[in-house]
Amino acid sequence: MNLTFSTYEAKARFSEVIRMVREGRTVHISYHGKPVAEIRPIEAKKKTLEEHLAELERRGVIVPAKDPNAPIEPIAHRPGALQRFLDERD
């Protein structure tokens, strides 16, 4: 859905325009029927892996390993479990 407002309309409904942008929409502004501006959400800064993991730890989604040097134990105990899992995703 193309959201276009005249400059007068955008000024009068500025709070509504900003709400739409905060919801992820892009709003176009026109002057005498010709598009002159675009208001869109700012793209979030991409996080590094370390920043993302720290955020997940802070939120309690993941917990750090008790011993980071310990070997990783397999979760699936039946041979071919990974392949069956991948086959089911298709």
Protein backbone atom coordinates (compact mmCIF):
# COMPACT_ATOMS: atom_id res chain seq x y z
CA MET A 1 0.00 0.00 0.00
CA ASN A 2 1.54 3.26 -1.15
CA LEU A 3 1.07 5.93 1.53
CA THR A 4 1.33 9.40 0.03
CA PHE A 5 0.53 12.67 1.75
CA SER A 6 0.73 16.22 0.46
CA THR A 7 3.08 18.49 2.40
CA TYR A 8 0.08 20.21 4.00
CA GLU A 9 -1.52 16.88 4.93
CA ALA A 10 1.76 15.47 6.28
CA LYS A 11 2.22 18.57 8.45
CA ALA A 12 -1.33 18.37 9.79
CA ARG A 13 -1.09 14.61 10.45
CA PHE A 14 2.59 14.45 11.46
CA SER A 15 1.99 12.25 14.54
CA GLU A 16 0.07 9.76 12.41
CA VAL A 17 2.81 9.77 9.76
CA ILE A 18 5.47 9.07 12.40
CA ARG A 19 3.32 6.26 13.87
CA MET A 20 3.12 4.65 10.44
CA VAL A 21 6.88 4.91 9.99
CA ARG A 22 7.46 3.39 13.44
CA GLU A 23 5.27 0.46 12.33
CA GLY A 24 7.69 -0.14 9.47
CA ARG A 25 5.85 1.59 6.65
CA THR A 26 7.33 4.03 4.17
CA VAL A 27 5.47 7.30 3.65
CA HIS A 28 5.85 9.50 0.56
CA ILE A 29 5.37 13.26 0.63
CA SER A 30 4.22 15.13 -2.46
CA TYR A 31 4.21 18.79 -3.42
CA HIS A 32 1.69 19.84 -6.07
CA GLY A 33 1.09 16.17 -6.85
CA LYS A 34 4.77 15.33 -7.46
CA PRO A 35 6.68 13.11 -5.02
CA VAL A 36 9.42 15.06 -3.24
CA ALA A 37 10.32 13.09 -0.13
CA GLU A 38 10.20 9.71 1.49
CA ILE A 39 10.01 9.03 5.22
CA ARG A 40 11.04 5.50 6.14
CA PRO A 41 12.25 3.61 9.20
CA ILE A 42 15.95 3.72 9.95
CA GLU A 43 17.57 0.36 9.44
CA ALA A 44 18.76 -1.10 12.71
CA LYS A 45 22.50 -1.42 13.14
CA LYS A 46 23.56 -4.97 12.46
CA LYS A 47 24.90 -6.67 15.55
CA THR A 48 28.04 -8.72 15.62
CA LEU A 49 27.77 -12.34 16.71
CA GLU A 50 29.25 -11.46 20.10
CA GLU A 51 26.74 -8.63 20.62
CA HIS A 52 23.85 -10.89 19.60
CA LEU A 53 24.95 -13.67 21.95
CA ALA A 54 25.42 -11.19 24.82
CA GLU A 55 21.89 -9.87 24.22
CA LEU A 56 20.45 -13.42 24.24
CA GLU A 57 22.31 -14.17 27.48
CA ARG A 58 21.04 -10.95 29.05
CA ARG A 59 17.45 -11.87 28.12
CA GLY A 60 17.90 -15.38 29.50
CA VAL A 61 17.31 -17.12 26.17
CA ILE A 62 20.69 -18.86 26.33
CA VAL A 63 23.08 -19.58 29.17
CA PRO A 64 26.86 -19.70 28.87
CA ALA A 65 28.54 -23.09 28.99
CA LYS A 66 29.80 -24.19 32.40
CA ASP A 67 32.99 -25.45 30.79
CA PRO A 68 33.61 -23.92 27.35
CA ASN A 69 36.34 -26.49 26.65
CA ALA A 70 34.12 -29.52 27.29
CA PRO A 71 33.32 -31.67 24.25
CA ILE A 72 29.90 -31.21 22.68
CA GLU A 73 27.66 -34.19 23.31
CA PRO A 74 25.37 -35.22 20.45
CA ILE A 75 21.66 -34.71 21.09
CA ALA A 76 20.41 -37.28 18.57
CA HIS A 77 21.27 -40.83 19.57
CA ARG A 78 19.91 -42.57 16.48
CA PRO A 79 22.06 -42.75 13.35
CA GLY A 80 20.72 -40.61 10.51
CA ALA A 81 18.70 -38.31 12.76
CA LEU A 82 20.19 -35.22 11.19
CA GLN A 83 19.33 -36.37 7.69
CA ARG A 84 15.76 -37.23 8.72
CA PHE A 85 15.41 -33.80 10.29
CA LEU A 86 16.66 -32.10 7.13
CA ASP A 87 14.37 -34.24 4.95
CA GLU A 88 11.35 -33.23 7.03
CA ARG A 89 12.11 -29.52 6.50
CA ASP A 90 11.72 -29.79 2.70
